[in-house]
Amino acid sequence: MSAELVLAAVLLIGIAVLFPAIFLLTGFIGPRSGGRIKNDIYEAGVSSMVGTATQRFSVKYYLVAILFIIFDIEAVFMYPWAVSMRELGWHGFIVMLVFMLTLFEGLVYVIKKGALKWE
């Protein structure tokens, strides 16, 4: 091993130990100011609501989230296909067409079932 490599490893380990130690010390030594208002939950300009953490949500929220994930993953698969379309040829085009038609069929099914209608 060369001296530069050993010096770099020691420097990296030293920094990896020094930074957390400094942050922990400032947490113990630094001033503490707080209170009910300062420690209250605050998000997006809206004060927190008082209630239970086991509040019920509509299943439609979860359904929309799952559908978003499905169609987001579709877009992730379509990008590499579009980049390498010339190498894949007609076989790759037909396979992607079947993939897109299957997802489109699922979307039509969800719309016909009325799962995306908000009342």
PDB file of N, CA and C in Angstrom:
ATOM      1  N   MET A   1       0.835  -1.177   0.000  1.00  0.00           N
ATOM      2  CA  MET A   1       0.000   0.000   0.000  1.00  0.00           C
ATOM      3  C   MET A   1       0.879   1.240   0.000  1.00  0.00           C
ATOM      4  N   SER A   2       0.437   2.206  -0.737  1.00  0.00           N
ATOM      5  CA  SER A   2       1.222   3.435  -0.800  1.00  0.00           C
ATOM      6  C   SER A   2       0.847   4.347   0.364  1.00  0.00           C
ATOM      7  N   ALA A   3       1.733   5.267   0.643  1.00  0.00           N
ATOM      8  CA  ALA A   3       1.526   6.191   1.758  1.00  0.00           C
ATOM      9  C   ALA A   3       0.344   7.111   1.498  1.00  0.00           C
ATOM     10  N   GLU A   4       0.116   7.480   0.229  1.00  0.00           N
ATOM     11  CA  GLU A   4      -1.019   8.366  -0.082  1.00  0.00           C
ATOM     12  C   GLU A   4      -2.343   7.670   0.184  1.00  0.00           C
ATOM     13  N   LEU A   5      -2.407   6.374  -0.121  1.00  0.00           N
ATOM     14  CA  LEU A   5      -3.634   5.621   0.084  1.00  0.00           C
ATOM     15  C   LEU A   5      -3.948   5.489   1.568  1.00  0.00           C
ATOM     16  N   VAL A   6      -2.927   5.210   2.368  1.00  0.00           N
ATOM     17  CA  VAL A   6      -3.111   5.101   3.814  1.00  0.00           C
ATOM     18  C   VAL A   6      -3.529   6.449   4.391  1.00  0.00           C
ATOM     19  N   LEU A   7      -2.882   7.518   3.947  1.00  0.00           N
ATOM     20  CA  LEU A   7      -3.221   8.853   4.429  1.00  0.00           C
ATOM     21  C   LEU A   7      -4.664   9.216   4.055  1.00  0.00           C
ATOM     22  N   ALA A   8      -5.096   8.875   2.842  1.00  0.00           N
ATOM     23  CA  ALA A   8      -6.465   9.155   2.414  1.00  0.00           C
ATOM     24  C   ALA A   8      -7.466   8.364   3.244  1.00  0.00           C
ATOM     25  N   ALA A   9      -7.165   7.100   3.543  1.00  0.00           N
ATOM     26  CA  ALA A   9      -8.069   6.274   4.349  1.00  0.00           C
ATOM     27  C   ALA A   9      -8.174   6.811   5.767  1.00  0.00           C
ATOM     28  N   VAL A  10      -7.037   7.201   6.360  1.00  0.00           N
ATOM     29  CA  VAL A  10      -7.050   7.759   7.720  1.00  0.00           C
ATOM     30  C   VAL A  10      -7.813   9.076   7.747  1.00  0.00           C
ATOM     31  N   LEU A  11      -7.625   9.908   6.736  1.00  0.00           N
ATOM     32  CA  LEU A  11      -8.335  11.176   6.658  1.00  0.00           C
ATOM     33  C   LEU A  11      -9.839  10.950   6.523  1.00  0.00           C
ATOM     34  N   LEU A  12     -10.252   9.999   5.705  1.00  0.00           N
ATOM     35  CA  LEU A  12     -11.667   9.703   5.522  1.00  0.00           C
ATOM     36  C   LEU A  12     -12.288   9.176   6.807  1.00  0.00           C
ATOM     37  N   ILE A  13     -11.609   8.281   7.473  1.00  0.00           N
ATOM     38  CA  ILE A  13     -12.126   7.745   8.735  1.00  0.00           C
ATOM     39  C   ILE A  13     -12.179   8.836   9.794  1.00  0.00           C
ATOM     40  N   GLY A  14     -11.166   9.702   9.825  1.00  0.00           N
ATOM     41  CA  GLY A  14     -11.168  10.809  10.780  1.00  0.00           C
ATOM     42  C   GLY A  14     -12.339  11.755  10.561  1.00  0.00           C
ATOM     43  N   ILE A  15     -12.613  12.089   9.310  1.00  0.00           N
ATOM     44  CA  ILE A  15     -13.749  12.964   9.011  1.00  0.00           C
ATOM     45  C   ILE A  15     -15.057  12.267   9.353  1.00  0.00           C
ATOM     46  N   ALA A  16     -15.147  10.957   9.067  1.00  0.00           N
ATOM     47  CA  ALA A  16     -16.365  10.203   9.344  1.00  0.00           C
ATOM     48  C   ALA A  16     -16.648  10.112  10.837  1.00  0.00           C
ATOM     49  N   VAL A  17     -15.627  10.161  11.669  1.00  0.00           N
ATOM     50  CA  VAL A  17     -15.827  10.124  13.119  1.00  0.00           C
ATOM     51  C   VAL A  17     -15.998  11.539  13.673  1.00  0.00           C
ATOM     52  N   LEU A  18     -15.288  12.507  13.121  1.00  0.00           N
ATOM     53  CA  LEU A  18     -15.287  13.868  13.649  1.00  0.00           C
ATOM     54  C   LEU A  18     -16.620  14.583  13.452  1.00  0.00           C
ATOM     55  N   PHE A  19     -17.201  14.492  12.257  1.00  0.00           N
ATOM     56  CA  PHE A  19     -18.448  15.214  11.987  1.00  0.00           C
ATOM     57  C   PHE A  19     -19.603  14.771  12.890  1.00  0.00           C
ATOM     58  N   PRO A  20     -19.888  13.487  13.033  1.00  0.00           N
ATOM     59  CA  PRO A  20     -20.970  13.112  13.957  1.00  0.00           C
ATOM     60  C   PRO A  20     -20.676  13.510  15.397  1.00  0.00           C
ATOM     61  N   ALA A  21     -19.415  13.442  15.800  1.00  0.00           N
ATOM     62  CA  ALA A  21     -19.068  13.834  17.166  1.00  0.00           C
ATOM     63  C   ALA A  21     -19.346  15.315  17.382  1.00  0.00           C
ATOM     64  N   ILE A  22     -19.004  16.152  16.414  1.00  0.00           N
ATOM     65  CA  ILE A  22     -19.267  17.595  16.524  1.00  0.00           C
ATOM     66  C   ILE A  22     -20.762  17.854  16.588  1.00  0.00           C
ATOM     67  N   PHE A  23     -21.532  17.191  15.738  1.00  0.00           N
ATOM     68  CA  PHE A  23     -22.985  17.405  15.732  1.00  0.00           C
ATOM     69  C   PHE A  23     -23.619  16.943  17.039  1.00  0.00           C
ATOM     70  N   LEU A  24     -23.130  15.844  17.605  1.00  0.00           N
ATOM     71  CA  LEU A  24     -23.663  15.390  18.884  1.00  0.00           C
ATOM     72  C   LEU A  24     -23.310  16.362  20.004  1.00  0.00           C
ATOM     73  N   LEU A  25     -22.091  16.869  19.996  1.00  0.00           N
ATOM     74  CA  LEU A  25     -21.692  17.825  21.033  1.00  0.00           C
ATOM     75  C   LEU A  25     -22.506  19.107  20.962  1.00  0.00           C
ATOM     76  N   THR A  26     -22.745  19.610  19.767  1.00  0.00           N
ATOM     77  CA  THR A  26     -23.540  20.847  19.667  1.00  0.00           C
ATOM     78  C   THR A  26     -24.973  20.608  20.117  1.00  0.00           C
ATOM     79  N   GLY A  27     -25.482  19.396  19.960  1.00  0.00           N
ATOM     80  CA  GLY A  27     -26.829  19.093  20.444  1.00  0.00           C
ATOM     81  C   GLY A  27     -26.897  19.087  21.953  1.00  0.00           C
ATOM     82  N   PHE A  28     -25.829  18.659  22.626  1.00  0.00           N
ATOM     83  CA  PHE A  28     -25.821  18.632  24.092  1.00  0.00           C
ATOM     84  C   PHE A  28     -25.463  19.980  24.694  1.00  0.00           C
ATOM     85  N   ILE A  29     -24.549  20.704  24.053  1.00  0.00           N
ATOM     86  CA  ILE A  29     -24.044  21.966  24.608  1.00  0.00           C
ATOM     87  C   ILE A  29     -24.917  23.152  24.237  1.00  0.00           C
ATOM     88  N   GLY A  30     -25.500  23.145  23.048  1.00  0.00           N
ATOM     89  CA  GLY A  30     -26.230  24.301  22.526  1.00  0.00           C
ATOM     90  C   GLY A  30     -27.448  24.678  23.348  1.00  0.00           C
ATOM     91  N   PRO A  31     -27.929  25.899  23.119  1.00  0.00           N
ATOM     92  CA  PRO A  31     -29.098  26.360  23.889  1.00  0.00           C
ATOM     93  C   PRO A  31     -30.357  25.618  23.465  1.00  0.00           C
ATOM     94  N   ARG A  32     -31.254  25.492  24.425  1.00  0.00           N
ATOM     95  CA  ARG A  32     -32.536  24.848  24.151  1.00  0.00           C
ATOM     96  C   ARG A  32     -33.637  25.859  24.399  1.00  0.00           C
ATOM     97  N   SER A  33     -34.377  26.123  23.383  1.00  0.00           N
ATOM     98  CA  SER A  33     -35.532  26.983  23.558  1.00  0.00           C
ATOM     99  C   SER A  33     -36.721  26.261  22.956  1.00  0.00           C
ATOM    100  N   GLY A  34     -37.793  26.296  23.619  1.00  0.00           N
ATOM    101  CA  GLY A  34     -38.958  25.599  23.117  1.00  0.00           C
ATOM    102  C   GLY A  34     -40.185  26.018  23.895  1.00  0.00           C
ATOM    103  N   GLY A  35     -41.212  25.385  23.614  1.00  0.00           N
ATOM    104  CA  GLY A  35     -42.465  25.660  24.266  1.00  0.00           C
ATOM    105  C   GLY A  35     -43.579  24.980  23.498  1.00  0.00           C
ATOM    106  N   ARG A  36     -44.793  25.171  23.955  1.00  0.00           N
ATOM    107  CA  ARG A  36     -45.922  24.505  23.314  1.00  0.00           C
ATOM    108  C   ARG A  36     -46.109  24.979  21.886  1.00  0.00           C
ATOM    109  N   ILE A  37     -45.988  26.272  21.635  1.00  0.00           N
ATOM    110  CA  ILE A  37     -46.227  26.810  20.297  1.00  0.00           C
ATOM    111  C   ILE A  37     -45.076  26.450  19.358  1.00  0.00           C
ATOM    112  N   LYS A  38     -43.842  26.540  19.840  1.00  0.00           N
ATOM    113  CA  LYS A  38     -42.700  26.249  18.978  1.00  0.00           C
ATOM    114  C   LYS A  38     -42.627  24.774  18.621  1.00  0.00           C
ATOM    115  N   ASN A  39     -43.014  23.913  19.527  1.00  0.00           N
ATOM    116  CA  ASN A  39     -42.949  22.475  19.280  1.00  0.00           C
ATOM    117  C   ASN A  39     -44.208  21.924  18.617  1.00  0.00           C
ATOM    118  N   ASP A  40     -45.178  22.788  18.337  1.00  0.00           N
ATOM    119  CA  ASP A  40     -46.408  22.345  17.691  1.00  0.00           C
ATOM    120  C   ASP A  40     -46.135  21.988  16.238  1.00  0.00           C
ATOM    121  N   ILE A  41     -46.889  21.036  15.712  1.00  0.00           N
ATOM    122  CA  ILE A  41     -46.725  20.600  14.328  1.00  0.00           C
ATOM    123  C   ILE A  41     -47.224  21.695  13.404  1.00  0.00           C
ATOM    124  N   TYR A  42     -46.436  22.013  12.394  1.00  0.00           N
ATOM    125  CA  TYR A  42     -46.783  23.068  11.438  1.00  0.00           C
ATOM    126  C   TYR A  42     -46.369  22.614  10.061  1.00  0.00           C
ATOM    127  N   GLU A  43     -47.327  22.554   9.153  1.00  0.00           N
ATOM    128  CA  GLU A  43     -46.999  22.091   7.820  1.00  0.00           C
ATOM    129  C   GLU A  43     -47.804  22.880   6.797  1.00  0.00           C
ATOM    130  N   ALA A  44     -47.125  23.459   5.842  1.00  0.00           N
ATOM    131  CA  ALA A  44     -47.734  24.147   4.699  1.00  0.00           C
ATOM    132  C   ALA A  44     -48.660  25.279   5.133  1.00  0.00           C
ATOM    133  N   GLY A  45     -48.333  25.947   6.199  1.00  0.00           N
ATOM    134  CA  GLY A  45     -49.123  27.107   6.603  1.00  0.00           C
ATOM    135  C   GLY A  45     -50.424  26.767   7.297  1.00  0.00           C
ATOM    136  N   VAL A  46     -50.638  25.509   7.617  1.00  0.00           N
ATOM    137  CA  VAL A  46     -51.880  25.091   8.248  1.00  0.00           C
ATOM    138  C   VAL A  46     -51.547  24.523   9.616  1.00  0.00           C
ATOM    139  N   SER A  47     -52.234  24.997  10.626  1.00  0.00           N
ATOM    140  CA  SER A  47     -52.020  24.457  11.963  1.00  0.00           C
ATOM    141  C   SER A  47     -52.567  23.034  12.034  1.00  0.00           C
ATOM    142  N   SER A  48     -52.032  22.266  12.960  1.00  0.00           N
ATOM    143  CA  SER A  48     -52.436  20.869  13.053  1.00  0.00           C
ATOM    144  C   SER A  48     -53.855  20.746  13.593  1.00  0.00           C
ATOM    145  N   MET A  49     -54.496  19.654  13.203  1.00  0.00           N
ATOM    146  CA  MET A  49     -55.846  19.377  13.678  1.00  0.00           C
ATOM    147  C   MET A  49     -55.748  18.456  14.879  1.00  0.00           C
ATOM    148  N   VAL A  50     -56.609  18.676  15.820  1.00  0.00           N
ATOM    149  CA  VAL A  50     -56.639  17.800  16.980  1.00  0.00           C
ATOM    150  C   VAL A  50     -57.537  16.623  16.637  1.00  0.00           C
ATOM    151  N   GLY A  51     -57.018  15.444  16.819  1.00  0.00           N
ATOM    152  CA  GLY A  51     -57.785  14.245  16.495  1.00  0.00           C
ATOM    153  C   GLY A  51     -56.946  13.016  16.742  1.00  0.00           C
ATOM    154  N   THR A  52     -57.487  11.886  16.365  1.00  0.00           N
ATOM    155  CA  THR A  52     -56.759  10.644  16.574  1.00  0.00           C
ATOM    156  C   THR A  52     -55.871  10.354  15.372  1.00  0.00           C
ATOM    157  N   ALA A  53     -54.883   9.553  15.599  1.00  0.00           N
ATOM    158  CA  ALA A  53     -53.984   9.163  14.516  1.00  0.00           C
ATOM    159  C   ALA A  53     -54.578   8.031  13.686  1.00  0.00           C
ATOM    160  N   THR A  54     -55.651   7.440  14.156  1.00  0.00           N
ATOM    161  CA  THR A  54     -56.278   6.327  13.439  1.00  0.00           C
ATOM    162  C   THR A  54     -57.490   6.806  12.648  1.00  0.00           C
ATOM    163  N   GLN A  55     -57.387   7.954  12.076  1.00  0.00           N
ATOM    164  CA  GLN A  55     -58.459   8.536  11.283  1.00  0.00           C
ATOM    165  C   GLN A  55     -58.653   7.746   9.993  1.00  0.00           C
ATOM    166  N   ARG A  56     -59.891   7.558   9.554  1.00  0.00           N
ATOM    167  CA  ARG A  56     -60.172   6.767   8.355  1.00  0.00           C
ATOM    168  C   ARG A  56     -60.112   7.630   7.107  1.00  0.00           C
ATOM    169  N   PHE A  57     -59.539   7.063   6.044  1.00  0.00           N
ATOM    170  CA  PHE A  57     -59.485   7.709   4.741  1.00  0.00           C
ATOM    171  C   PHE A  57     -60.279   6.872   3.757  1.00  0.00           C
ATOM    172  N   SER A  58     -60.761   7.525   2.731  1.00  0.00           N
ATOM    173  CA  SER A  58     -61.500   6.823   1.695  1.00  0.00           C
ATOM    174  C   SER A  58     -60.549   5.913   0.912  1.00  0.00           C
ATOM    175  N   VAL A  59     -61.080   4.793   0.461  1.00  0.00           N
ATOM    176  CA  VAL A  59     -60.295   3.847  -0.315  1.00  0.00           C
ATOM    177  C   VAL A  59     -59.881   4.470  -1.648  1.00  0.00           C
ATOM    178  N   LYS A  60     -60.614   5.469  -2.116  1.00  0.00           N
ATOM    179  CA  LYS A  60     -60.305   6.101  -3.406  1.00  0.00           C
ATOM    180  C   LYS A  60     -58.925   6.751  -3.398  1.00  0.00           C
ATOM    181  N   TYR A  61     -58.469   7.252  -2.263  1.00  0.00           N
ATOM    182  CA  TYR A  61     -57.122   7.822  -2.186  1.00  0.00           C
ATOM    183  C   TYR A  61     -56.084   6.756  -2.519  1.00  0.00           C
ATOM    184  N   TYR A  62     -56.259   5.582  -1.934  1.00  0.00           N
ATOM    185  CA  TYR A  62     -55.316   4.501  -2.167  1.00  0.00           C
ATOM    186  C   TYR A  62     -55.410   3.995  -3.601  1.00  0.00           C
ATOM    187  N   LEU A  63     -56.619   3.942  -4.145  1.00  0.00           N
ATOM    188  CA  LEU A  63     -56.799   3.489  -5.519  1.00  0.00           C
ATOM    189  C   LEU A  63     -56.107   4.428  -6.506  1.00  0.00           C
ATOM    190  N   VAL A  64     -56.266   5.718  -6.297  1.00  0.00           N
ATOM    191  CA  VAL A  64     -55.605   6.689  -7.175  1.00  0.00           C
ATOM    192  C   VAL A  64     -54.092   6.580  -7.038  1.00  0.00           C
ATOM    193  N   ALA A  65     -53.599   6.360  -5.837  1.00  0.00           N
ATOM    194  CA  ALA A  65     -52.153   6.212  -5.633  1.00  0.00           C
ATOM    195  C   ALA A  65     -51.621   4.972  -6.349  1.00  0.00           C
ATOM    196  N   ILE A  66     -52.344   3.868  -6.268  1.00  0.00           N
ATOM    197  CA  ILE A  66     -51.902   2.644  -6.933  1.00  0.00           C
ATOM    198  C   ILE A  66     -51.927   2.822  -8.446  1.00  0.00           C
ATOM    199  N   LEU A  67     -52.976   3.461  -8.967  1.00  0.00           N
ATOM    200  CA  LEU A  67     -53.041   3.699 -10.407  1.00  0.00           C
ATOM    201  C   LEU A  67     -51.917   4.616 -10.871  1.00  0.00           C
ATOM    202  N   PHE A  68     -51.593   5.620 -10.062  1.00  0.00           N
ATOM    203  CA  PHE A  68     -50.485   6.499 -10.410  1.00  0.00           C
ATOM    204  C   PHE A  68     -49.180   5.718 -10.486  1.00  0.00           C
ATOM    205  N   ILE A  69     -48.960   4.842  -9.538  1.00  0.00           N
ATOM    206  CA  ILE A  69     -47.730   4.051  -9.536  1.00  0.00           C
ATOM    207  C   ILE A  69     -47.672   3.141 -10.765  1.00  0.00           C
ATOM    208  N   ILE A  70     -48.797   2.528 -11.103  1.00  0.00           N
ATOM    209  CA  ILE A  70     -48.820   1.635 -12.269  1.00  0.00           C
ATOM    210  C   ILE A  70     -48.465   2.397 -13.539  1.00  0.00           C
ATOM    211  N   PHE A  71     -49.074   3.565 -13.750  1.00  0.00           N
ATOM    212  CA  PHE A  71     -48.814   4.282 -14.988  1.00  0.00           C
ATOM    213  C   PHE A  71     -47.473   5.008 -14.956  1.00  0.00           C
ATOM    214  N   ASP A  72     -46.968   5.279 -13.786  1.00  0.00           N
ATOM    215  CA  ASP A  72     -45.628   5.832 -13.672  1.00  0.00           C
ATOM    216  C   ASP A  72     -44.588   4.779 -14.059  1.00  0.00           C
ATOM    217  N   ILE A  73     -44.798   3.547 -13.623  1.00  0.00           N
ATOM    218  CA  ILE A  73     -43.893   2.471 -13.997  1.00  0.00           C
ATOM    219  C   ILE A  73     -43.975   2.201 -15.490  1.00  0.00           C
ATOM    220  N   GLU A  74     -45.157   2.370 -16.065  1.00  0.00           N
ATOM    221  CA  GLU A  74     -45.280   2.222 -17.516  1.00  0.00           C
ATOM    222  C   GLU A  74     -44.369   3.218 -18.225  1.00  0.00           C
ATOM    223  N   ALA A  75     -44.358   4.446 -17.766  1.00  0.00           N
ATOM    224  CA  ALA A  75     -43.497   5.460 -18.382  1.00  0.00           C
ATOM    225  C   ALA A  75     -42.023   5.105 -18.207  1.00  0.00           C
ATOM    226  N   VAL A  76     -41.675   4.517 -17.075  1.00  0.00           N
ATOM    227  CA  VAL A  76     -40.283   4.116 -16.837  1.00  0.00           C
ATOM    228  C   VAL A  76     -39.872   3.018 -17.818  1.00  0.00           C
ATOM    229  N   PHE A  77     -40.774   2.111 -18.148  1.00  0.00           N
ATOM    230  CA  PHE A  77     -40.458   1.061 -19.113  1.00  0.00           C
ATOM    231  C   PHE A  77     -40.456   1.578 -20.544  1.00  0.00           C
ATOM    232  N   MET A  78     -41.203   2.614 -20.812  1.00  0.00           N
ATOM    233  CA  MET A  78     -41.289   3.113 -22.186  1.00  0.00           C
ATOM    234  C   MET A  78     -40.047   3.903 -22.590  1.00  0.00           C
ATOM    235  N   TYR A  79     -39.367   4.534 -21.662  1.00  0.00           N
ATOM    236  CA  TYR A  79     -38.199   5.344 -22.006  1.00  0.00           C
ATOM    237  C   TYR A  79     -37.057   4.510 -22.608  1.00  0.00           C
ATOM    238  N   PRO A  80     -36.624   3.418 -21.963  1.00  0.00           N
ATOM    239  CA  PRO A  80     -35.554   2.630 -22.582  1.00  0.00           C
ATOM    240  C   PRO A  80     -35.990   1.994 -23.906  1.00  0.00           C
ATOM    241  N   TRP A  81     -37.266   1.660 -24.003  1.00  0.00           N
ATOM    242  CA  TRP A  81     -37.779   1.110 -25.252  1.00  0.00           C
ATOM    243  C   TRP A  81     -37.664   2.140 -26.377  1.00  0.00           C
ATOM    244  N   ALA A  82     -38.019   3.386 -26.070  1.00  0.00           N
ATOM    245  CA  ALA A  82     -37.947   4.429 -27.093  1.00  0.00           C
ATOM    246  C   ALA A  82     -36.505   4.708 -27.500  1.00  0.00           C
ATOM    247  N   VAL A  83     -35.582   4.622 -26.551  1.00  0.00           N
ATOM    248  CA  VAL A  83     -34.173   4.879 -26.857  1.00  0.00           C
ATOM    249  C   VAL A  83     -33.589   3.781 -27.751  1.00  0.00           C
ATOM    250  N   SER A  84     -33.969   2.540 -27.493  1.00  0.00           N
ATOM    251  CA  SER A  84     -33.385   1.433 -28.260  1.00  0.00           C
ATOM    252  C   SER A  84     -34.373   0.825 -29.246  1.00  0.00           C
ATOM    253  N   MET A  85     -35.289   1.613 -29.762  1.00  0.00           N
ATOM    254  CA  MET A  85     -36.314   1.086 -30.660  1.00  0.00           C
ATOM    255  C   MET A  85     -35.727   0.560 -31.972  1.00  0.00           C
ATOM    256  N   ARG A  86     -34.714   1.215 -32.496  1.00  0.00           N
ATOM    257  CA  ARG A  86     -34.116   0.767 -33.770  1.00  0.00           C
ATOM    258  C   ARG A  86     -33.466  -0.604 -33.639  1.00  0.00           C
ATOM    259  N   GLU A  87     -32.819  -0.870 -32.508  1.00  0.00           N
ATOM    260  CA  GLU A  87     -32.168  -2.166 -32.321  1.00  0.00           C
ATOM    261  C   GLU A  87     -33.185  -3.274 -32.088  1.00  0.00           C
ATOM    262  N   LEU A  88     -34.323  -2.934 -31.462  1.00  0.00           N
ATOM    263  CA  LEU A  88     -35.329  -3.947 -31.151  1.00  0.00           C
ATOM    264  C   LEU A  88     -36.144  -4.358 -32.371  1.00  0.00           C
ATOM    265  N   GLY A  89     -36.327  -3.462 -33.299  1.00  0.00           N
ATOM    266  CA  GLY A  89     -37.061  -3.776 -34.523  1.00  0.00           C
ATOM    267  C   GLY A  89     -38.545  -3.970 -34.289  1.00  0.00           C
ATOM    268  N   TRP A  90     -39.149  -4.721 -35.199  1.00  0.00           N
ATOM    269  CA  TRP A  90     -40.598  -4.925 -35.136  1.00  0.00           C
ATOM    270  C   TRP A  90     -41.009  -5.765 -33.936  1.00  0.00           C
ATOM    271  N   HIS A  91     -40.155  -6.708 -33.542  1.00  0.00           N
ATOM    272  CA  HIS A  91     -40.487  -7.538 -32.382  1.00  0.00           C
ATOM    273  C   HIS A  91     -40.627  -6.671 -31.125  1.00  0.00           C
ATOM    274  N   GLY A  92     -39.692  -5.766 -30.916  1.00  0.00           N
ATOM    275  CA  GLY A  92     -39.777  -4.861 -29.765  1.00  0.00           C
ATOM    276  C   GLY A  92     -40.982  -3.950 -29.843  1.00  0.00           C
ATOM    277  N   PHE A  93     -41.332  -3.511 -31.041  1.00  0.00           N
ATOM    278  CA  PHE A  93     -42.502  -2.652 -31.218  1.00  0.00           C
ATOM    279  C   PHE A  93     -43.783  -3.403 -30.857  1.00  0.00           C
ATOM    280  N   ILE A  94     -43.893  -4.643 -31.303  1.00  0.00           N
ATOM    281  CA  ILE A  94     -45.103  -5.428 -31.020  1.00  0.00           C
ATOM    282  C   ILE A  94     -45.207  -5.758 -29.536  1.00  0.00           C
ATOM    283  N   VAL A  95     -44.084  -6.094 -28.913  1.00  0.00           N
ATOM    284  CA  VAL A  95     -44.098  -6.390 -27.476  1.00  0.00           C
ATOM    285  C   VAL A  95     -44.526  -5.160 -26.683  1.00  0.00           C
ATOM    286  N   MET A  96     -44.008  -3.979 -27.029  1.00  0.00           N
ATOM    287  CA  MET A  96     -44.398  -2.760 -26.320  1.00  0.00           C
ATOM    288  C   MET A  96     -45.851  -2.411 -26.605  1.00  0.00           C
ATOM    289  N   LEU A  97     -46.318  -2.677 -27.813  1.00  0.00           N
ATOM    290  CA  LEU A  97     -47.719  -2.422 -28.151  1.00  0.00           C
ATOM    291  C   LEU A  97     -48.636  -3.299 -27.310  1.00  0.00           C
ATOM    292  N   VAL A  98     -48.284  -4.569 -27.136  1.00  0.00           N
ATOM    293  CA  VAL A  98     -49.076  -5.466 -26.285  1.00  0.00           C
ATOM    294  C   VAL A  98     -49.058  -4.963 -24.840  1.00  0.00           C
ATOM    295  N   PHE A  99     -47.896  -4.525 -24.364  1.00  0.00           N
ATOM    296  CA  PHE A  99     -47.776  -3.991 -23.005  1.00  0.00           C
ATOM    297  C   PHE A  99     -48.665  -2.763 -22.818  1.00  0.00           C
ATOM    298  N   MET A 100     -48.631  -1.848 -23.760  1.00  0.00           N
ATOM    299  CA  MET A 100     -49.430  -0.623 -23.652  1.00  0.00           C
ATOM    300  C   MET A 100     -50.921  -0.918 -23.783  1.00  0.00           C
ATOM    301  N   LEU A 101     -51.287  -1.854 -24.657  1.00  0.00           N
ATOM    302  CA  LEU A 101     -52.703  -2.217 -24.796  1.00  0.00           C
ATOM    303  C   LEU A 101     -53.235  -2.887 -23.533  1.00  0.00           C
ATOM    304  N   THR A 102     -52.410  -3.682 -22.871  1.00  0.00           N
ATOM    305  CA  THR A 102     -52.821  -4.306 -21.620  1.00  0.00           C
ATOM    306  C   THR A 102     -53.080  -3.251 -20.549  1.00  0.00           C
ATOM    307  N   LEU A 103     -52.195  -2.281 -20.444  1.00  0.00           N
ATOM    308  CA  LEU A 103     -52.410  -1.215 -19.470  1.00  0.00           C
ATOM    309  C   LEU A 103     -53.604  -0.350 -19.844  1.00  0.00           C
ATOM    310  N   PHE A 104     -53.796  -0.097 -21.121  1.00  0.00           N
ATOM    311  CA  PHE A 104     -54.952   0.683 -21.559  1.00  0.00           C
ATOM    312  C   PHE A 104     -56.246  -0.059 -21.254  1.00  0.00           C
ATOM    313  N   GLU A 105     -56.235  -1.375 -21.423  1.00  0.00           N
ATOM    314  CA  GLU A 105     -57.408  -2.178 -21.087  1.00  0.00           C
ATOM    315  C   GLU A 105     -57.725  -2.069 -19.588  1.00  0.00           C
ATOM    316  N   GLY A 106     -56.693  -2.074 -18.751  1.00  0.00           N
ATOM    317  CA  GLY A 106     -56.894  -1.894 -17.311  1.00  0.00           C
ATOM    318  C   GLY A 106     -57.466  -0.526 -16.989  1.00  0.00           C
ATOM    319  N   LEU A 107     -57.004   0.503 -17.691  1.00  0.00           N
ATOM    320  CA  LEU A 107     -57.525   1.853 -17.467  1.00  0.00           C
ATOM    321  C   LEU A 107     -58.989   1.941 -17.884  1.00  0.00           C
ATOM    322  N   VAL A 108     -59.341   1.343 -19.011  1.00  0.00           N
ATOM    323  CA  VAL A 108     -60.736   1.344 -19.457  1.00  0.00           C
ATOM    324  C   VAL A 108     -61.607   0.610 -18.442  1.00  0.00           C
ATOM    325  N   TYR A 109     -61.118  -0.503 -17.908  1.00  0.00           N
ATOM    326  CA  TYR A 109     -61.859  -1.261 -16.897  1.00  0.00           C
ATOM    327  C   TYR A 109     -62.109  -0.423 -15.647  1.00  0.00           C
ATOM    328  N   VAL A 110     -61.083   0.284 -15.191  1.00  0.00           N
ATOM    329  CA  VAL A 110     -61.212   1.113 -13.995  1.00  0.00           C
ATOM    330  C   VAL A 110     -62.213   2.247 -14.236  1.00  0.00           C
ATOM    331  N   ILE A 111     -62.169   2.845 -15.407  1.00  0.00           N
ATOM    332  CA  ILE A 111     -63.099   3.934 -15.720  1.00  0.00           C
ATOM    333  C   ILE A 111     -64.524   3.411 -15.816  1.00  0.00           C
ATOM    334  N   LYS A 112     -64.721   2.232 -16.438  1.00  0.00           N
ATOM    335  CA  LYS A 112     -66.070   1.660 -16.550  1.00  0.00           C
ATOM    336  C   LYS A 112     -66.644   1.285 -15.188  1.00  0.00           C
ATOM    337  N   LYS A 113     -65.799   0.839 -14.284  1.00  0.00           N
ATOM    338  CA  LYS A 113     -66.240   0.496 -12.938  1.00  0.00           C
ATOM    339  C   LYS A 113     -66.589   1.738 -12.123  1.00  0.00           C
ATOM    340  N   GLY A 114     -66.160   2.913 -12.591  1.00  0.00           N
ATOM    341  CA  GLY A 114     -66.441   4.163 -11.883  1.00  0.00           C
ATOM    342  C   GLY A 114     -65.531   4.389 -10.692  1.00  0.00           C
ATOM    343  N   ALA A 115     -64.363   3.774 -10.709  1.00  0.00           N
ATOM    344  CA  ALA A 115     -63.462   3.892  -9.556  1.00  0.00           C
ATOM    345  C   ALA A 115     -62.838   5.282  -9.458  1.00  0.00           C
ATOM    346  N   LEU A 116     -62.810   6.034 -10.547  1.00  0.00           N
ATOM    347  CA  LEU A 116     -62.192   7.356 -10.509  1.00  0.00           C
ATOM    348  C   LEU A 116     -63.202   8.471 -10.339  1.00  0.00           C
ATOM    349  N   LYS A 117     -64.469   8.150 -10.140  1.00  0.00           N
ATOM    350  CA  LYS A 117     -65.492   9.177  -9.938  1.00  0.00           C
ATOM    351  C   LYS A 117     -65.513   9.584  -8.470  1.00  0.00           C
ATOM    352  N   TRP A 118     -65.369  10.861  -8.232  1.00  0.00           N
ATOM    353  CA  TRP A 118     -65.398  11.390  -6.879  1.00  0.00           C
ATOM    354  C   TRP A 118     -66.779  11.993  -6.632  1.00  0.00           C
ATOM    355  N   GLU A 119     -67.381  11.625  -5.541  1.00  0.00           N
ATOM    356  CA  GLU A 119     -68.725  12.118  -5.232  1.00  0.00           C
ATOM    357  C   GLU A 119     -68.698  13.061  -4.066  1.00  0.00           C
TER     358      GLU A 119
END
